[in-house]
């Protein structure tokens, strides 16, 4: 449609009637077509192409980082250190006996609540 308008085969009015859009829409299409051609001839990257290059560079960087982390993990596993590798979403324990007893009290409370019909046992109530 745009090429036919540019070649003079159709006027804006005729093209807009055929496409069932406003003349302004056809004019916008024509202008975008001309601007895109100009940018292509000048070698100017469009915003989309520029963003694609940025994302591709980021993907390459992330793949490299992932590969390095994987190699470190394999080396540590072979050395027997894999149990001490911290994971970002793992809970951190402060190592105190209180933190261990809190986690065991929580689990035993929920266990006893299931056994005793939703209420903690007398033994737990006394210890809490």
N, C-alpha and C. Protein backbone atom coordinates (compact mmCIF):
# COMPACT_ATOMS: atom_id res chain seq x y z
N UNK A 1 0.84 -1.18 0.00
CA UNK A 1 0.00 0.00 0.00
C UNK A 1 0.88 1.25 0.00
N UNK A 2 1.87 1.25 0.88
CA UNK A 2 2.77 2.41 0.99
C UNK A 2 3.55 2.60 -0.31
N UNK A 3 4.03 1.52 -0.88
CA UNK A 3 4.77 1.62 -2.14
C UNK A 3 3.90 2.18 -3.26
N UNK A 4 2.64 1.79 -3.28
CA UNK A 4 1.73 2.29 -4.31
C UNK A 4 1.48 3.80 -4.12
N UNK A 5 1.43 4.25 -2.86
CA UNK A 5 1.26 5.68 -2.60
C UNK A 5 2.52 6.43 -3.02
N UNK A 6 3.68 5.90 -2.67
CA UNK A 6 4.95 6.55 -3.01
C UNK A 6 5.17 6.61 -4.52
N UNK A 7 4.74 5.58 -5.22
CA UNK A 7 4.94 5.57 -6.68
C UNK A 7 3.92 6.46 -7.40
N UNK A 8 2.89 6.91 -6.67
CA UNK A 8 1.89 7.77 -7.30
C UNK A 8 0.74 6.98 -7.88
N UNK A 9 0.78 5.69 -7.75
CA UNK A 9 -0.30 4.85 -8.28
C UNK A 9 -1.61 5.11 -7.53
N UNK A 10 -1.50 5.39 -6.22
CA UNK A 10 -2.67 5.70 -5.39
C UNK A 10 -2.44 7.00 -4.66
N UNK A 11 -3.52 7.74 -4.45
CA UNK A 11 -3.43 8.92 -3.58
C UNK A 11 -3.64 8.47 -2.14
N UNK A 12 -3.37 9.37 -1.20
CA UNK A 12 -3.60 9.05 0.21
C UNK A 12 -5.07 8.70 0.43
N UNK A 13 -5.96 9.45 -0.19
CA UNK A 13 -7.40 9.22 -0.01
C UNK A 13 -7.79 7.84 -0.55
N UNK A 14 -7.31 7.49 -1.74
CA UNK A 14 -7.64 6.18 -2.32
C UNK A 14 -7.08 5.05 -1.46
N UNK A 15 -5.85 5.21 -1.00
CA UNK A 15 -5.22 4.17 -0.17
C UNK A 15 -5.95 4.00 1.16
N UNK A 16 -6.37 5.13 1.74
CA UNK A 16 -7.08 5.05 3.02
C UNK A 16 -8.44 4.36 2.85
N UNK A 17 -9.12 4.63 1.73
CA UNK A 17 -10.40 3.95 1.47
C UNK A 17 -10.19 2.44 1.29
N UNK A 18 -9.17 2.06 0.55
CA UNK A 18 -8.91 0.63 0.31
C UNK A 18 -8.54 -0.08 1.60
N UNK A 19 -7.73 0.55 2.44
CA UNK A 19 -7.28 -0.08 3.68
C UNK A 19 -8.29 0.11 4.82
N UNK A 20 -9.33 0.94 4.57
CA UNK A 20 -10.37 1.24 5.57
C UNK A 20 -9.79 1.83 6.85
N UNK A 21 -8.87 2.79 6.63
CA UNK A 21 -8.26 3.54 7.73
C UNK A 21 -8.27 5.02 7.34
N UNK A 22 -7.86 5.86 8.28
CA UNK A 22 -7.82 7.30 7.99
C UNK A 22 -6.64 7.64 7.08
N UNK A 23 -6.75 8.81 6.46
CA UNK A 23 -5.65 9.28 5.61
C UNK A 23 -4.41 9.52 6.46
N UNK A 24 -4.62 9.96 7.70
CA UNK A 24 -3.49 10.21 8.61
C UNK A 24 -2.72 8.92 8.87
N UNK A 25 -3.43 7.79 9.00
CA UNK A 25 -2.76 6.50 9.22
C UNK A 25 -1.88 6.14 8.04
N UNK A 26 -2.40 6.31 6.84
CA UNK A 26 -1.62 6.00 5.64
C UNK A 26 -0.41 6.93 5.55
N UNK A 27 -0.60 8.19 5.90
CA UNK A 27 0.51 9.15 5.88
C UNK A 27 1.58 8.76 6.91
N UNK A 28 1.12 8.30 8.09
CA UNK A 28 2.08 7.84 9.11
C UNK A 28 2.86 6.63 8.63
N UNK A 29 2.18 5.70 7.97
CA UNK A 29 2.87 4.51 7.44
C UNK A 29 3.93 4.92 6.44
N UNK A 30 3.54 5.85 5.55
CA UNK A 30 4.47 6.32 4.52
C UNK A 30 5.70 6.97 5.17
N UNK A 31 5.46 7.81 6.19
CA UNK A 31 6.58 8.49 6.85
C UNK A 31 7.49 7.51 7.59
N UNK A 32 6.91 6.52 8.24
CA UNK A 32 7.73 5.51 8.92
C UNK A 32 8.55 4.70 7.92
N UNK A 33 7.93 4.40 6.78
CA UNK A 33 8.62 3.65 5.73
C UNK A 33 9.82 4.45 5.22
N UNK A 34 9.62 5.71 4.97
CA UNK A 34 10.70 6.58 4.47
C UNK A 34 11.79 6.72 5.52
N UNK A 35 11.40 6.96 6.78
CA UNK A 35 12.39 7.11 7.86
C UNK A 35 13.19 5.83 8.06
N UNK A 36 12.52 4.69 8.00
CA UNK A 36 13.21 3.40 8.15
C UNK A 36 14.22 3.17 7.04
N UNK A 37 13.85 3.52 5.82
CA UNK A 37 14.76 3.39 4.69
C UNK A 37 15.96 4.30 4.83
N UNK A 38 15.72 5.52 5.29
CA UNK A 38 16.81 6.49 5.48
C UNK A 38 17.79 5.97 6.54
N UNK A 39 17.25 5.48 7.67
CA UNK A 39 18.11 4.96 8.74
C UNK A 39 18.91 3.76 8.26
N UNK A 40 18.28 2.90 7.48
CA UNK A 40 18.99 1.73 6.97
C UNK A 40 20.14 2.13 6.05
N UNK A 41 19.91 3.11 5.21
CA UNK A 41 20.96 3.57 4.30
C UNK A 41 22.08 4.29 5.03
N UNK A 42 21.73 4.97 6.13
CA UNK A 42 22.74 5.68 6.91
C UNK A 42 23.47 4.74 7.86
N UNK A 43 22.95 3.54 8.04
CA UNK A 43 23.58 2.58 8.95
C UNK A 43 23.24 2.81 10.41
N UNK A 44 22.22 3.59 10.68
CA UNK A 44 21.81 3.85 12.05
C UNK A 44 21.00 2.66 12.55
N UNK A 45 21.39 2.18 13.74
CA UNK A 45 20.65 1.06 14.32
C UNK A 45 19.33 1.54 14.89
N UNK A 46 18.32 0.77 14.65
CA UNK A 46 17.04 1.10 15.27
C UNK A 46 17.10 0.78 16.75
N UNK A 47 16.15 1.31 17.51
CA UNK A 47 16.13 1.06 18.95
C UNK A 47 16.02 -0.44 19.23
N UNK A 48 15.22 -1.14 18.43
CA UNK A 48 15.04 -2.58 18.64
C UNK A 48 16.35 -3.32 18.41
N UNK A 49 17.03 -3.01 17.33
CA UNK A 49 18.29 -3.69 17.02
C UNK A 49 19.34 -3.39 18.08
N UNK A 50 19.37 -2.15 18.55
CA UNK A 50 20.32 -1.76 19.59
C UNK A 50 20.04 -2.53 20.88
N UNK A 51 18.77 -2.62 21.23
CA UNK A 51 18.38 -3.34 22.45
C UNK A 51 18.71 -4.83 22.32
N UNK A 52 18.50 -5.40 21.14
CA UNK A 52 18.85 -6.80 20.92
C UNK A 52 20.34 -7.04 21.12
N UNK A 53 21.16 -6.13 20.64
CA UNK A 53 22.61 -6.27 20.83
C UNK A 53 22.98 -6.18 22.31
N UNK A 54 22.33 -5.26 23.03
CA UNK A 54 22.59 -5.13 24.47
C UNK A 54 22.21 -6.41 25.21
N UNK A 55 21.04 -6.94 24.87
CA UNK A 55 20.58 -8.18 25.52
C UNK A 55 21.47 -9.36 25.17
N UNK A 56 21.93 -9.42 23.93
CA UNK A 56 22.82 -10.51 23.53
C UNK A 56 24.14 -10.44 24.30
N UNK A 57 24.66 -9.23 24.50
CA UNK A 57 25.89 -9.06 25.28
C UNK A 57 25.67 -9.48 26.73
N UNK A 58 24.51 -9.15 27.28
CA UNK A 58 24.19 -9.55 28.66
C UNK A 58 24.05 -11.06 28.78
N UNK A 59 23.44 -11.69 27.79
CA UNK A 59 23.32 -13.16 27.79
C UNK A 59 24.70 -13.80 27.78
N UNK A 60 25.58 -13.29 26.94
CA UNK A 60 26.94 -13.82 26.86
C UNK A 60 27.66 -13.68 28.20
N UNK A 61 27.50 -12.54 28.84
CA UNK A 61 28.13 -12.30 30.14
C UNK A 61 27.57 -13.25 31.20
N UNK A 62 26.27 -13.45 31.20
CA UNK A 62 25.64 -14.34 32.18
C UNK A 62 26.04 -15.80 31.96
N UNK A 63 26.14 -16.20 30.70
CA UNK A 63 26.58 -17.56 30.39
C UNK A 63 28.00 -17.79 30.89
N UNK A 64 28.85 -16.81 30.72
CA UNK A 64 30.23 -16.92 31.19
C UNK A 64 30.26 -17.05 32.71
N UNK A 65 29.50 -16.22 33.40
CA UNK A 65 29.45 -16.28 34.87
C UNK A 65 28.90 -17.61 35.35
N UNK A 66 27.87 -18.12 34.68
CA UNK A 66 27.30 -19.40 35.05
C UNK A 66 28.31 -20.53 34.84
N UNK A 67 29.02 -20.47 33.74
CA UNK A 67 30.04 -21.49 33.47
C UNK A 67 31.14 -21.48 34.52
N UNK A 68 31.58 -20.29 34.93
CA UNK A 68 32.62 -20.20 35.95
C UNK A 68 32.12 -20.73 37.29
N UNK A 69 30.87 -20.41 37.65
CA UNK A 69 30.30 -20.90 38.90
C UNK A 69 30.17 -22.42 38.87
N UNK A 70 29.79 -22.97 37.72
CA UNK A 70 29.65 -24.41 37.58
C UNK A 70 31.01 -25.10 37.76
N UNK A 71 32.03 -24.53 37.18
CA UNK A 71 33.37 -25.12 37.32
C UNK A 71 33.82 -25.08 38.77
N UNK A 72 33.61 -23.96 39.46
CA UNK A 72 33.96 -23.86 40.88
C UNK A 72 33.21 -24.89 41.71
N UNK A 73 31.94 -25.08 41.41
CA UNK A 73 31.14 -26.06 42.13
C UNK A 73 31.68 -27.47 41.92
N UNK A 74 32.02 -27.81 40.69
CA UNK A 74 32.58 -29.15 40.42
C UNK A 74 33.89 -29.37 41.14
N UNK A 75 34.74 -28.33 41.16
CA UNK A 75 36.03 -28.45 41.85
C UNK A 75 35.80 -28.67 43.34
N UNK A 76 34.88 -27.90 43.94
CA UNK A 76 34.59 -28.05 45.36
C UNK A 76 33.97 -29.40 45.68
N UNK A 77 33.12 -29.88 44.80
CA UNK A 77 32.51 -31.20 45.04
C UNK A 77 33.56 -32.30 45.02
N UNK A 78 34.48 -32.19 44.10
CA UNK A 78 35.54 -33.20 44.02
C UNK A 78 36.44 -33.14 45.25
N UNK A 79 36.58 -31.95 45.83
CA UNK A 79 37.42 -31.78 47.02
C UNK A 79 36.65 -32.10 48.30
N UNK A 80 35.35 -32.40 48.17
CA UNK A 80 34.55 -32.74 49.33
C UNK A 80 34.02 -31.55 50.09
N UNK A 81 34.04 -30.38 49.49
CA UNK A 81 33.59 -29.16 50.16
C UNK A 81 32.16 -28.79 49.81
N UNK A 82 31.45 -29.61 49.06
CA UNK A 82 30.15 -29.21 48.55
C UNK A 82 29.11 -28.99 49.62
N UNK A 83 29.28 -29.56 50.79
CA UNK A 83 28.29 -29.36 51.85
C UNK A 83 28.38 -27.96 52.46
N UNK A 84 29.51 -27.31 52.31
CA UNK A 84 29.69 -26.00 52.92
C UNK A 84 29.40 -24.85 51.97
N UNK A 85 28.94 -25.14 50.75
CA UNK A 85 28.67 -24.09 49.78
C UNK A 85 27.32 -23.47 50.12
N UNK A 86 27.29 -22.16 50.43
CA UNK A 86 26.01 -21.51 50.75
C UNK A 86 25.19 -21.26 49.49
N UNK A 87 23.90 -21.37 49.62
CA UNK A 87 23.00 -21.06 48.52
C UNK A 87 22.21 -19.81 48.91
N UNK A 88 21.91 -18.93 47.96
CA UNK A 88 21.26 -17.66 48.27
C UNK A 88 19.92 -17.81 48.98
N UNK A 89 19.16 -18.85 48.68
CA UNK A 89 17.83 -18.96 49.27
C UNK A 89 17.79 -19.92 50.45
N UNK A 90 18.95 -20.39 50.92
CA UNK A 90 18.96 -21.27 52.07
C UNK A 90 18.93 -20.45 53.34
N UNK A 91 18.33 -21.01 54.40
CA UNK A 91 18.27 -20.29 55.67
C UNK A 91 19.62 -20.32 56.33
N UNK A 92 19.95 -19.20 56.94
CA UNK A 92 21.21 -19.12 57.65
C UNK A 92 20.95 -19.38 59.12
N UNK A 93 21.75 -20.24 59.69
CA UNK A 93 21.64 -20.54 61.11
C UNK A 93 22.76 -19.82 61.82
N UNK A 94 22.45 -19.23 62.96
CA UNK A 94 23.51 -18.54 63.68
C UNK A 94 24.36 -19.51 64.49
N UNK A 95 23.99 -20.81 64.46
CA UNK A 95 24.80 -21.83 65.12
C UNK A 95 24.53 -21.97 66.60
N UNK A 96 23.67 -21.13 67.14
CA UNK A 96 23.40 -21.21 68.57
C UNK A 96 22.44 -22.37 68.86
N UNK A 97 22.52 -22.94 70.07
CA UNK A 97 21.62 -24.03 70.41
C UNK A 97 20.16 -23.59 70.39
N UNK A 98 19.92 -22.30 70.64
CA UNK A 98 18.55 -21.81 70.64
C UNK A 98 17.92 -21.91 69.26
N UNK A 99 18.70 -21.58 68.23
CA UNK A 99 18.13 -21.64 66.88
C UNK A 99 17.80 -23.08 66.51
N UNK A 100 18.61 -24.04 66.95
CA UNK A 100 18.33 -25.44 66.67
C UNK A 100 17.10 -25.90 67.43
N UNK A 101 16.96 -25.46 68.69
CA UNK A 101 15.81 -25.89 69.47
C UNK A 101 14.53 -25.24 68.97
N UNK A 102 14.64 -23.99 68.44
CA UNK A 102 13.47 -23.35 67.89
C UNK A 102 12.94 -24.11 66.70
N UNK A 103 13.83 -24.54 65.82
CA UNK A 103 13.37 -25.26 64.64
C UNK A 103 12.80 -26.62 65.02
N UNK A 104 13.38 -27.30 66.00
CA UNK A 104 12.86 -28.60 66.39
C UNK A 104 11.55 -28.44 67.16
N UNK A 105 11.42 -27.37 67.94
CA UNK A 105 10.17 -27.14 68.67
C UNK A 105 9.04 -26.85 67.70
N UNK A 106 9.34 -26.10 66.65
CA UNK A 106 8.32 -25.78 65.66
C UNK A 106 7.86 -27.04 64.96
N UNK A 107 8.80 -27.89 64.57
CA UNK A 107 8.41 -29.10 63.86
C UNK A 107 7.68 -30.07 64.78
N UNK A 108 8.10 -30.18 66.04
CA UNK A 108 7.42 -31.11 66.93
C UNK A 108 6.05 -30.58 67.32
N UNK A 109 5.90 -29.25 67.40
CA UNK A 109 4.60 -28.67 67.70
C UNK A 109 3.62 -29.00 66.59
N UNK A 110 4.04 -28.82 65.34
CA UNK A 110 3.14 -29.13 64.24
C UNK A 110 2.86 -30.62 64.17
N UNK A 111 3.86 -31.46 64.50
CA UNK A 111 3.67 -32.90 64.50
C UNK A 111 2.66 -33.30 65.58
N UNK A 112 2.82 -32.76 66.81
CA UNK A 112 1.91 -33.08 67.90
C UNK A 112 0.51 -32.56 67.62
N UNK A 113 0.42 -31.42 66.97
CA UNK A 113 -0.90 -30.86 66.66
C UNK A 113 -1.65 -31.78 65.71
N UNK A 114 -0.94 -32.41 64.78
CA UNK A 114 -1.60 -33.36 63.88
C UNK A 114 -2.06 -34.59 64.64
N UNK A 115 -1.26 -35.07 65.56
CA UNK A 115 -1.59 -36.27 66.32
C UNK A 115 -2.74 -36.02 67.28
N UNK A 116 -2.76 -34.88 67.95
CA UNK A 116 -3.74 -34.59 69.00
C UNK A 116 -4.90 -33.75 68.52
N UNK A 117 -5.21 -33.84 67.24
CA UNK A 117 -6.40 -33.17 66.73
C UNK A 117 -6.31 -31.65 66.67
N UNK A 118 -5.17 -31.11 66.34
CA UNK A 118 -5.04 -29.67 66.14
C UNK A 118 -4.59 -28.91 67.37
N UNK A 119 -4.42 -29.57 68.51
CA UNK A 119 -3.96 -28.87 69.72
C UNK A 119 -2.65 -29.50 70.17
N UNK A 120 -1.71 -28.70 70.68
CA UNK A 120 -0.44 -29.24 71.13
C UNK A 120 -0.64 -30.12 72.36
N UNK A 121 0.25 -31.06 72.53
CA UNK A 121 0.15 -31.96 73.69
C UNK A 121 0.50 -31.20 74.96
N UNK A 122 0.15 -31.78 76.12
CA UNK A 122 0.43 -31.16 77.41
C UNK A 122 1.93 -31.03 77.61
N UNK A 123 2.68 -32.04 77.17
CA UNK A 123 4.12 -32.01 77.31
C UNK A 123 4.71 -30.77 76.63
N UNK A 124 4.26 -30.47 75.44
CA UNK A 124 4.77 -29.30 74.73
C UNK A 124 4.28 -28.02 75.37
N UNK A 125 3.06 -27.98 75.84
CA UNK A 125 2.55 -26.76 76.46
C UNK A 125 3.38 -26.39 77.68
N UNK A 126 3.84 -27.38 78.41
CA UNK A 126 4.64 -27.13 79.60
C UNK A 126 6.03 -26.64 79.21
N UNK A 127 6.58 -27.17 78.12
CA UNK A 127 7.93 -26.78 77.73
C UNK A 127 7.95 -25.43 77.04
N UNK A 128 6.84 -25.01 76.49
CA UNK A 128 6.79 -23.75 75.76
C UNK A 128 6.56 -22.68 76.75
